[in-house]
Amino acid sequence: MTDNGVRPCRSSSAAPHDVSPERRTVLEMRGRRSIEFGAAWFIGGLLVAVVTFEQARGDGVYFVVWVPMFYGVHRIVSGFQLVRKSRELS
């Protein structure tokens, strides 16, 4: 604790062994869902880019949809972090 009684960022008063198995299971489940959801967003953005690129063939217009792909990568990374956290707590 600091002098004013406020904990530093990301610190916790509970020791890792005080976390219940249910909480670990919930964290891992949320992480896995986040990975699946992120993969779906990434693949969806990639499919839009590939399909429109194939339809353009040369001089046509095609879309590279960056936002869904970036969001998908963000969700995948945060999902892996949640899974790692749940395993560190065991």
PDB file of N, CA and C in Angstrom:
ATOM      1  N   MET A   1       0.835  -1.181   0.000  1.00  0.00           N
ATOM      2  CA  MET A   1       0.000   0.000   0.000  1.00  0.00           C
ATOM      3  C   MET A   1       0.884   1.250   0.000  1.00  0.00           C
ATOM      4  N   THR A   2       0.352   2.264  -0.580  1.00  0.00           N
ATOM      5  CA  THR A   2       1.057   3.538  -0.545  1.00  0.00           C
ATOM      6  C   THR A   2       0.690   4.275   0.724  1.00  0.00           C
ATOM      7  N   ASP A   3       1.271   5.420   0.935  1.00  0.00           N
ATOM      8  CA  ASP A   3       1.053   6.181   2.169  1.00  0.00           C
ATOM      9  C   ASP A   3      -0.394   6.604   2.375  1.00  0.00           C
ATOM     10  N   ASN A   4      -1.112   6.858   1.288  1.00  0.00           N
ATOM     11  CA  ASN A   4      -2.497   7.320   1.429  1.00  0.00           C
ATOM     12  C   ASN A   4      -3.514   6.182   1.421  1.00  0.00           C
ATOM     13  N   GLY A   5      -3.060   4.948   1.450  1.00  0.00           N
ATOM     14  CA  GLY A   5      -3.974   3.812   1.524  1.00  0.00           C
ATOM     15  C   GLY A   5      -4.523   3.352   0.193  1.00  0.00           C
ATOM     16  N   VAL A   6      -4.038   3.910  -0.893  1.00  0.00           N
ATOM     17  CA  VAL A   6      -4.515   3.531  -2.224  1.00  0.00           C
ATOM     18  C   VAL A   6      -3.533   2.527  -2.822  1.00  0.00           C
ATOM     19  N   ARG A   7      -4.058   1.460  -3.362  1.00  0.00           N
ATOM     20  CA  ARG A   7      -3.201   0.443  -3.966  1.00  0.00           C
ATOM     21  C   ARG A   7      -2.728   0.899  -5.340  1.00  0.00           C
ATOM     22  N   PRO A   8      -1.507   0.498  -5.715  1.00  0.00           N
ATOM     23  CA  PRO A   8      -1.037   0.800  -7.071  1.00  0.00           C
ATOM     24  C   PRO A   8      -1.890   0.073  -8.113  1.00  0.00           C
ATOM     25  N   CYS A   9      -1.802   0.527  -9.326  1.00  0.00           N
ATOM     26  CA  CYS A   9      -2.565  -0.055 -10.422  1.00  0.00           C
ATOM     27  C   CYS A   9      -2.295  -1.545 -10.546  1.00  0.00           C
ATOM     28  N   ARG A  10      -3.362  -2.340 -10.773  1.00  0.00           N
ATOM     29  CA  ARG A  10      -3.317  -3.780 -10.979  1.00  0.00           C
ATOM     30  C   ARG A  10      -2.821  -4.562  -9.766  1.00  0.00           C
ATOM     31  N   SER A  11      -2.849  -3.961  -8.597  1.00  0.00           N
ATOM     32  CA  SER A  11      -2.467  -4.733  -7.424  1.00  0.00           C
ATOM     33  C   SER A  11      -3.727  -5.214  -6.731  1.00  0.00           C
ATOM     34  N   SER A  12      -3.586  -6.261  -5.974  1.00  0.00           N
ATOM     35  CA  SER A  12      -4.734  -6.854  -5.320  1.00  0.00           C
ATOM     36  C   SER A  12      -4.357  -7.235  -3.910  1.00  0.00           C
ATOM     37  N   SER A  13      -5.299  -7.134  -3.006  1.00  0.00           N
ATOM     38  CA  SER A  13      -5.030  -7.519  -1.636  1.00  0.00           C
ATOM     39  C   SER A  13      -5.129  -9.026  -1.451  1.00  0.00           C
ATOM     40  N   ALA A  14      -5.818  -9.712  -2.364  1.00  0.00           N
ATOM     41  CA  ALA A  14      -5.998 -11.158  -2.249  1.00  0.00           C
ATOM     42  C   ALA A  14      -4.806 -11.889  -2.848  1.00  0.00           C
ATOM     43  N   ALA A  15      -4.343 -12.894  -2.168  1.00  0.00           N
ATOM     44  CA  ALA A  15      -3.269 -13.726  -2.692  1.00  0.00           C
ATOM     45  C   ALA A  15      -3.838 -14.610  -3.795  1.00  0.00           C
ATOM     46  N   PRO A  16      -3.015 -15.019  -4.764  1.00  0.00           N
ATOM     47  CA  PRO A  16      -3.533 -15.837  -5.873  1.00  0.00           C
ATOM     48  C   PRO A  16      -4.186 -17.131  -5.417  1.00  0.00           C
ATOM     49  N   HIS A  17      -3.751 -17.706  -4.297  1.00  0.00           N
ATOM     50  CA  HIS A  17      -4.338 -18.966  -3.857  1.00  0.00           C
ATOM     51  C   HIS A  17      -5.709 -18.779  -3.210  1.00  0.00           C
ATOM     52  N   ASP A  18      -6.126 -17.525  -3.016  1.00  0.00           N
ATOM     53  CA  ASP A  18      -7.444 -17.247  -2.447  1.00  0.00           C
ATOM     54  C   ASP A  18      -8.551 -17.229  -3.500  1.00  0.00           C
ATOM     55  N   VAL A  19      -8.216 -17.413  -4.757  1.00  0.00           N
ATOM     56  CA  VAL A  19      -9.198 -17.370  -5.835  1.00  0.00           C
ATOM     57  C   VAL A  19      -9.880 -18.730  -5.924  1.00  0.00           C
ATOM     58  N   SER A  20     -11.187 -18.695  -5.994  1.00  0.00           N
ATOM     59  CA  SER A  20     -11.948 -19.944  -6.035  1.00  0.00           C
ATOM     60  C   SER A  20     -11.799 -20.632  -7.394  1.00  0.00           C
ATOM     61  N   PRO A  21     -11.961 -21.940  -7.420  1.00  0.00           N
ATOM     62  CA  PRO A  21     -11.908 -22.664  -8.699  1.00  0.00           C
ATOM     63  C   PRO A  21     -12.994 -22.204  -9.673  1.00  0.00           C
ATOM     64  N   GLU A  22     -14.132 -21.785  -9.133  1.00  0.00           N
ATOM     65  CA  GLU A  22     -15.219 -21.296  -9.998  1.00  0.00           C
ATOM     66  C   GLU A  22     -14.789 -20.032 -10.724  1.00  0.00           C
ATOM     67  N   ARG A  23     -14.095 -19.148 -10.009  1.00  0.00           N
ATOM     68  CA  ARG A  23     -13.630 -17.892 -10.604  1.00  0.00           C
ATOM     69  C   ARG A  23     -12.609 -18.179 -11.710  1.00  0.00           C
ATOM     70  N   ARG A  24     -11.724 -19.129 -11.470  1.00  0.00           N
ATOM     71  CA  ARG A  24     -10.741 -19.505 -12.494  1.00  0.00           C
ATOM     72  C   ARG A  24     -11.440 -20.061 -13.731  1.00  0.00           C
ATOM     73  N   THR A  25     -12.456 -20.879 -13.499  1.00  0.00           N
ATOM     74  CA  THR A  25     -13.203 -21.463 -14.616  1.00  0.00           C
ATOM     75  C   THR A  25     -13.906 -20.367 -15.413  1.00  0.00           C
ATOM     76  N   VAL A  26     -14.488 -19.401 -14.714  1.00  0.00           N
ATOM     77  CA  VAL A  26     -15.181 -18.295 -15.386  1.00  0.00           C
ATOM     78  C   VAL A  26     -14.187 -17.486 -16.212  1.00  0.00           C
ATOM     79  N   LEU A  27     -13.006 -17.199 -15.646  1.00  0.00           N
ATOM     80  CA  LEU A  27     -12.001 -16.435 -16.387  1.00  0.00           C
ATOM     81  C   LEU A  27     -11.553 -17.182 -17.644  1.00  0.00           C
ATOM     82  N   GLU A  28     -11.329 -18.479 -17.512  1.00  0.00           N
ATOM     83  CA  GLU A  28     -10.893 -19.250 -18.673  1.00  0.00           C
ATOM     84  C   GLU A  28     -11.996 -19.323 -19.725  1.00  0.00           C
ATOM     85  N   MET A  29     -13.238 -19.484 -19.295  1.00  0.00           N
ATOM     86  CA  MET A  29     -14.356 -19.532 -20.233  1.00  0.00           C
ATOM     87  C   MET A  29     -14.509 -18.202 -20.979  1.00  0.00           C
ATOM     88  N   ARG A  30     -14.391 -17.087 -20.236  1.00  0.00           N
ATOM     89  CA  ARG A  30     -14.470 -15.770 -20.869  1.00  0.00           C
ATOM     90  C   ARG A  30     -13.331 -15.572 -21.866  1.00  0.00           C
ATOM     91  N   GLY A  31     -12.142 -16.057 -21.499  1.00  0.00           N
ATOM     92  CA  GLY A  31     -11.002 -15.936 -22.399  1.00  0.00           C
ATOM     93  C   GLY A  31     -11.198 -16.721 -23.682  1.00  0.00           C
ATOM     94  N   ARG A  32     -11.679 -17.950 -23.538  1.00  0.00           N
ATOM     95  CA  ARG A  32     -11.914 -18.781 -24.725  1.00  0.00           C
ATOM     96  C   ARG A  32     -12.996 -18.184 -25.625  1.00  0.00           C
ATOM     97  N   ARG A  33     -14.056 -17.657 -25.015  1.00  0.00           N
ATOM     98  CA  ARG A  33     -15.118 -17.011 -25.797  1.00  0.00           C
ATOM     99  C   ARG A  33     -14.584 -15.787 -26.528  1.00  0.00           C
ATOM    100  N   SER A  34     -13.723 -15.034 -25.850  1.00  0.00           N
ATOM    101  CA  SER A  34     -13.142 -13.847 -26.467  1.00  0.00           C
ATOM    102  C   SER A  34     -12.264 -14.226 -27.660  1.00  0.00           C
ATOM    103  N   ILE A  35     -11.512 -15.318 -27.527  1.00  0.00           N
ATOM    104  CA  ILE A  35     -10.680 -15.791 -28.639  1.00  0.00           C
ATOM    105  C   ILE A  35     -11.558 -16.198 -29.816  1.00  0.00           C
ATOM    106  N   GLU A  36     -12.613 -16.930 -29.548  1.00  0.00           N
ATOM    107  CA  GLU A  36     -13.517 -17.370 -30.627  1.00  0.00           C
ATOM    108  C   GLU A  36     -14.204 -16.182 -31.290  1.00  0.00           C
ATOM    109  N   PHE A  37     -14.679 -15.243 -30.484  1.00  0.00           N
ATOM    110  CA  PHE A  37     -15.353 -14.057 -31.005  1.00  0.00           C
ATOM    111  C   PHE A  37     -14.383 -13.221 -31.846  1.00  0.00           C
ATOM    112  N   GLY A  38     -13.160 -13.053 -31.356  1.00  0.00           N
ATOM    113  CA  GLY A  38     -12.150 -12.296 -32.101  1.00  0.00           C
ATOM    114  C   GLY A  38     -11.796 -12.962 -33.409  1.00  0.00           C
ATOM    115  N   ALA A  39     -11.690 -14.288 -33.391  1.00  0.00           N
ATOM    116  CA  ALA A  39     -11.388 -15.011 -34.628  1.00  0.00           C
ATOM    117  C   ALA A  39     -12.514 -14.825 -35.647  1.00  0.00           C
ATOM    118  N   ALA A  40     -13.741 -14.823 -35.164  1.00  0.00           N
ATOM    119  CA  ALA A  40     -14.881 -14.624 -36.071  1.00  0.00           C
ATOM    120  C   ALA A  40     -14.835 -13.227 -36.702  1.00  0.00           C
ATOM    121  N   TRP A  41     -14.531 -12.197 -35.909  1.00  0.00           N
ATOM    122  CA  TRP A  41     -14.431 -10.839 -36.451  1.00  0.00           C
ATOM    123  C   TRP A  41     -13.290 -10.737 -37.463  1.00  0.00           C
ATOM    124  N   PHE A  42     -12.149 -11.324 -37.121  1.00  0.00           N
ATOM    125  CA  PHE A  42     -11.004 -11.256 -38.021  1.00  0.00           C
ATOM    126  C   PHE A  42     -11.306 -11.967 -39.336  1.00  0.00           C
ATOM    127  N   ILE A  43     -11.844 -13.155 -39.248  1.00  0.00           N
ATOM    128  CA  ILE A  43     -12.156 -13.924 -40.459  1.00  0.00           C
ATOM    129  C   ILE A  43     -13.230 -13.221 -41.282  1.00  0.00           C
ATOM    130  N   GLY A  44     -14.227 -12.631 -40.612  1.00  0.00           N
ATOM    131  CA  GLY A  44     -15.262 -11.889 -41.342  1.00  0.00           C
ATOM    132  C   GLY A  44     -14.686 -10.719 -42.112  1.00  0.00           C
ATOM    133  N   GLY A  45     -13.810  -9.933 -41.486  1.00  0.00           N
ATOM    134  CA  GLY A  45     -13.168  -8.810 -42.175  1.00  0.00           C
ATOM    135  C   GLY A  45     -12.291  -9.272 -43.315  1.00  0.00           C
ATOM    136  N   LEU A  46     -11.590 -10.375 -43.098  1.00  0.00           N
ATOM    137  CA  LEU A  46     -10.728 -10.922 -44.139  1.00  0.00           C
ATOM    138  C   LEU A  46     -11.563 -11.432 -45.318  1.00  0.00           C
ATOM    139  N   LEU A  47     -12.697 -12.069 -45.026  1.00  0.00           N
ATOM    140  CA  LEU A  47     -13.565 -12.560 -46.102  1.00  0.00           C
ATOM    141  C   LEU A  47     -14.118 -11.420 -46.949  1.00  0.00           C
ATOM    142  N   VAL A  48     -14.513 -10.327 -46.300  1.00  0.00           N
ATOM    143  CA  VAL A  48     -15.014  -9.172 -47.055  1.00  0.00           C
ATOM    144  C   VAL A  48     -13.919  -8.657 -47.984  1.00  0.00           C
ATOM    145  N   ALA A  49     -12.700  -8.582 -47.474  1.00  0.00           N
ATOM    146  CA  ALA A  49     -11.590  -8.097 -48.299  1.00  0.00           C
ATOM    147  C   ALA A  49     -11.327  -9.033 -49.465  1.00  0.00           C
ATOM    148  N   VAL A  50     -11.291 -10.326 -49.212  1.00  0.00           N
ATOM    149  CA  VAL A  50     -10.984 -11.301 -50.273  1.00  0.00           C
ATOM    150  C   VAL A  50     -12.101 -11.347 -51.313  1.00  0.00           C
ATOM    151  N   VAL A  51     -13.349 -11.385 -50.862  1.00  0.00           N
ATOM    152  CA  VAL A  51     -14.472 -11.472 -51.803  1.00  0.00           C
ATOM    153  C   VAL A  51     -14.552 -10.230 -52.680  1.00  0.00           C
ATOM    154  N   THR A  52     -14.425  -9.041 -52.092  1.00  0.00           N
ATOM    155  CA  THR A  52     -14.506  -7.828 -52.909  1.00  0.00           C
ATOM    156  C   THR A  52     -13.287  -7.697 -53.816  1.00  0.00           C
ATOM    157  N   PHE A  53     -12.131  -8.171 -53.374  1.00  0.00           N
ATOM    158  CA  PHE A  53     -10.940  -8.138 -54.225  1.00  0.00           C
ATOM    159  C   PHE A  53     -11.123  -9.057 -55.429  1.00  0.00           C
ATOM    160  N   GLU A  54     -11.674 -10.232 -55.197  1.00  0.00           N
ATOM    161  CA  GLU A  54     -11.910 -11.168 -56.303  1.00  0.00           C
ATOM    162  C   GLU A  54     -12.951 -10.616 -57.281  1.00  0.00           C
ATOM    163  N   GLN A  55     -13.955  -9.911 -56.776  1.00  0.00           N
ATOM    164  CA  GLN A  55     -14.977  -9.349 -57.659  1.00  0.00           C
ATOM    165  C   GLN A  55     -14.434  -8.167 -58.457  1.00  0.00           C
ATOM    166  N   ALA A  56     -13.453  -7.462 -57.912  1.00  0.00           N
ATOM    167  CA  ALA A  56     -12.910  -6.281 -58.582  1.00  0.00           C
ATOM    168  C   ALA A  56     -12.064  -6.684 -59.797  1.00  0.00           C
ATOM    169  N   ARG A  57     -11.208  -7.655 -59.662  1.00  0.00           N
ATOM    170  CA  ARG A  57     -10.341  -8.169 -60.729  1.00  0.00           C
ATOM    171  C   ARG A  57      -9.810  -7.087 -61.662  1.00  0.00           C
ATOM    172  N   GLY A  58      -8.850  -6.367 -61.180  1.00  0.00           N
ATOM    173  CA  GLY A  58      -8.206  -5.372 -62.031  1.00  0.00           C
ATOM    174  C   GLY A  58      -8.577  -3.953 -61.650  1.00  0.00           C
ATOM    175  N   ASP A  59      -9.492  -3.356 -62.432  1.00  0.00           N
ATOM    176  CA  ASP A  59      -9.800  -1.944 -62.245  1.00  0.00           C
ATOM    177  C   ASP A  59     -10.940  -1.676 -61.280  1.00  0.00           C
ATOM    178  N   GLY A  60     -11.590  -2.689 -60.783  1.00  0.00           N
ATOM    179  CA  GLY A  60     -12.746  -2.485 -59.909  1.00  0.00           C
ATOM    180  C   GLY A  60     -12.346  -1.992 -58.526  1.00  0.00           C
ATOM    181  N   VAL A  61     -13.340  -1.765 -57.722  1.00  0.00           N
ATOM    182  CA  VAL A  61     -13.129  -1.279 -56.361  1.00  0.00           C
ATOM    183  C   VAL A  61     -13.256  -2.450 -55.397  1.00  0.00           C
ATOM    184  N   TYR A  62     -12.351  -2.518 -54.455  1.00  0.00           N
ATOM    185  CA  TYR A  62     -12.456  -3.536 -53.417  1.00  0.00           C
ATOM    186  C   TYR A  62     -12.195  -2.904 -52.059  1.00  0.00           C
ATOM    187  N   PHE A  63     -12.651  -3.558 -51.024  1.00  0.00           N
ATOM    188  CA  PHE A  63     -12.543  -3.027 -49.672  1.00  0.00           C
ATOM    189  C   PHE A  63     -11.609  -3.897 -48.839  1.00  0.00           C
ATOM    190  N   VAL A  64     -10.726  -3.248 -48.144  1.00  0.00           N
ATOM    191  CA  VAL A  64      -9.953  -3.932 -47.118  1.00  0.00           C
ATOM    192  C   VAL A  64     -10.501  -3.397 -45.804  1.00  0.00           C
ATOM    193  N   VAL A  65     -11.179  -4.237 -45.095  1.00  0.00           N
ATOM    194  CA  VAL A  65     -11.891  -3.817 -43.893  1.00  0.00           C
ATOM    195  C   VAL A  65     -10.960  -4.024 -42.696  1.00  0.00           C
ATOM    196  N   TRP A  66     -10.261  -2.954 -42.322  1.00  0.00           N
ATOM    197  CA  TRP A  66      -9.262  -3.049 -41.262  1.00  0.00           C
ATOM    198  C   TRP A  66      -9.873  -3.124 -39.873  1.00  0.00           C
ATOM    199  N   VAL A  67     -10.908  -2.353 -39.630  1.00  0.00           N
ATOM    200  CA  VAL A  67     -11.441  -2.247 -38.262  1.00  0.00           C
ATOM    201  C   VAL A  67     -11.895  -3.603 -37.710  1.00  0.00           C
ATOM    202  N   PRO A  68     -12.686  -4.392 -38.437  1.00  0.00           N
ATOM    203  CA  PRO A  68     -13.052  -5.703 -37.883  1.00  0.00           C
ATOM    204  C   PRO A  68     -11.845  -6.608 -37.655  1.00  0.00           C
ATOM    205  N   MET A  69     -10.858  -6.516 -38.538  1.00  0.00           N
ATOM    206  CA  MET A  69      -9.676  -7.356 -38.353  1.00  0.00           C
ATOM    207  C   MET A  69      -8.869  -6.910 -37.133  1.00  0.00           C
ATOM    208  N   PHE A  70      -8.693  -5.610 -36.948  1.00  0.00           N
ATOM    209  CA  PHE A  70      -7.984  -5.116 -35.758  1.00  0.00           C
ATOM    210  C   PHE A  70      -8.745  -5.453 -34.488  1.00  0.00           C
ATOM    211  N   TYR A  71     -10.061  -5.287 -34.531  1.00  0.00           N
ATOM    212  CA  TYR A  71     -10.880  -5.631 -33.369  1.00  0.00           C
ATOM    213  C   TYR A  71     -10.760  -7.123 -33.057  1.00  0.00           C
ATOM    214  N   GLY A  72     -10.750  -7.941 -34.082  1.00  0.00           N
ATOM    215  CA  GLY A  72     -10.594  -9.373 -33.891  1.00  0.00           C
ATOM    216  C   GLY A  72      -9.265  -9.716 -33.244  1.00  0.00           C
ATOM    217  N   VAL A  73      -8.190  -9.084 -33.713  1.00  0.00           N
ATOM    218  CA  VAL A  73      -6.872  -9.325 -33.120  1.00  0.00           C
ATOM    219  C   VAL A  73      -6.865  -8.872 -31.664  1.00  0.00           C
ATOM    220  N   HIS A  74      -7.485  -7.731 -31.392  1.00  0.00           N
ATOM    221  CA  HIS A  74      -7.570  -7.229 -30.007  1.00  0.00           C
ATOM    222  C   HIS A  74      -8.293  -8.232 -29.114  1.00  0.00           C
ATOM    223  N   ARG A  75      -9.413  -8.757 -29.589  1.00  0.00           N
ATOM    224  CA  ARG A  75     -10.169  -9.725 -28.785  1.00  0.00           C
ATOM    225  C   ARG A  75      -9.399 -11.030 -28.599  1.00  0.00           C
ATOM    226  N   ILE A  76      -8.673 -11.457 -29.612  1.00  0.00           N
ATOM    227  CA  ILE A  76      -7.877 -12.681 -29.499  1.00  0.00           C
ATOM    228  C   ILE A  76      -6.778 -12.499 -28.457  1.00  0.00           C
ATOM    229  N   VAL A  77      -6.072 -11.378 -28.520  1.00  0.00           N
ATOM    230  CA  VAL A  77      -4.988 -11.126 -27.557  1.00  0.00           C
ATOM    231  C   VAL A  77      -5.540 -11.019 -26.147  1.00  0.00           C
ATOM    232  N   SER A  78      -6.640 -10.290 -25.969  1.00  0.00           N
ATOM    233  CA  SER A  78      -7.205 -10.157 -24.619  1.00  0.00           C
ATOM    234  C   SER A  78      -7.744 -11.495 -24.120  1.00  0.00           C
ATOM    235  N   GLY A  79      -8.233 -12.328 -25.021  1.00  0.00           N
ATOM    236  CA  GLY A  79      -8.686 -13.663 -24.632  1.00  0.00           C
ATOM    237  C   GLY A  79      -7.538 -14.530 -24.150  1.00  0.00           C
ATOM    238  N   PHE A  80      -6.413 -14.482 -24.864  1.00  0.00           N
ATOM    239  CA  PHE A  80      -5.241 -15.235 -24.424  1.00  0.00           C
ATOM    240  C   PHE A  80      -4.744 -14.745 -23.069  1.00  0.00           C
ATOM    241  N   GLN A  81      -4.838 -13.430 -22.842  1.00  0.00           N
ATOM    242  CA  GLN A  81      -4.425 -12.894 -21.543  1.00  0.00           C
ATOM    243  C   GLN A  81      -5.329 -13.401 -20.425  1.00  0.00           C
ATOM    244  N   LEU A  82      -6.630 -13.474 -20.672  1.00  0.00           N
ATOM    245  CA  LEU A  82      -7.549 -13.999 -19.661  1.00  0.00           C
ATOM    246  C   LEU A  82      -7.284 -15.474 -19.371  1.00  0.00           C
ATOM    247  N   VAL A  83      -7.027 -16.247 -20.407  1.00  0.00           N
ATOM    248  CA  VAL A  83      -6.734 -17.669 -20.206  1.00  0.00           C
ATOM    249  C   VAL A  83      -5.437 -17.825 -19.411  1.00  0.00           C
ATOM    250  N   ARG A  84      -4.436 -17.042 -19.760  1.00  0.00           N
ATOM    251  CA  ARG A  84      -3.159 -17.097 -19.031  1.00  0.00           C
ATOM    252  C   ARG A  84      -3.357 -16.711 -17.571  1.00  0.00           C
ATOM    253  N   LYS A  85      -4.146 -15.675 -17.340  1.00  0.00           N
ATOM    254  CA  LYS A  85      -4.409 -15.236 -15.969  1.00  0.00           C
ATOM    255  C   LYS A  85      -5.110 -16.330 -15.171  1.00  0.00           C
ATOM    256  N   SER A  86      -6.069 -17.002 -15.795  1.00  0.00           N
ATOM    257  CA  SER A  86      -6.794 -18.055 -15.085  1.00  0.00           C
ATOM    258  C   SER A  86      -5.857 -19.212 -14.735  1.00  0.00           C
ATOM    259  N   ARG A  87      -4.889 -19.486 -15.582  1.00  0.00           N
ATOM    260  CA  ARG A  87      -3.947 -20.574 -15.303  1.00  0.00           C
ATOM    261  C   ARG A  87      -2.896 -20.173 -14.270  1.00  0.00           C
ATOM    262  N   GLU A  88      -2.541 -18.878 -14.214  1.00  0.00           N
ATOM    263  CA  GLU A  88      -1.599 -18.406 -13.211  1.00  0.00           C
ATOM    264  C   GLU A  88      -2.209 -18.457 -11.824  1.00  0.00           C
ATOM    265  N   LEU A  89      -3.512 -18.305 -11.749  1.00  0.00           N
ATOM    266  CA  LEU A  89      -4.190 -18.292 -10.455  1.00  0.00           C
ATOM    267  C   LEU A  89      -4.370 -19.688  -9.885  1.00  0.00           C
ATOM    268  N   SER A  90      -4.155 -20.728 -10.696  1.00  0.00           N
ATOM    269  CA  SER A  90      -4.359 -22.080 -10.178  1.00  0.00           C
ATOM    270  C   SER A  90      -3.158 -22.587  -9.427  1.00  0.00           C
TER     271      SER A  90
END
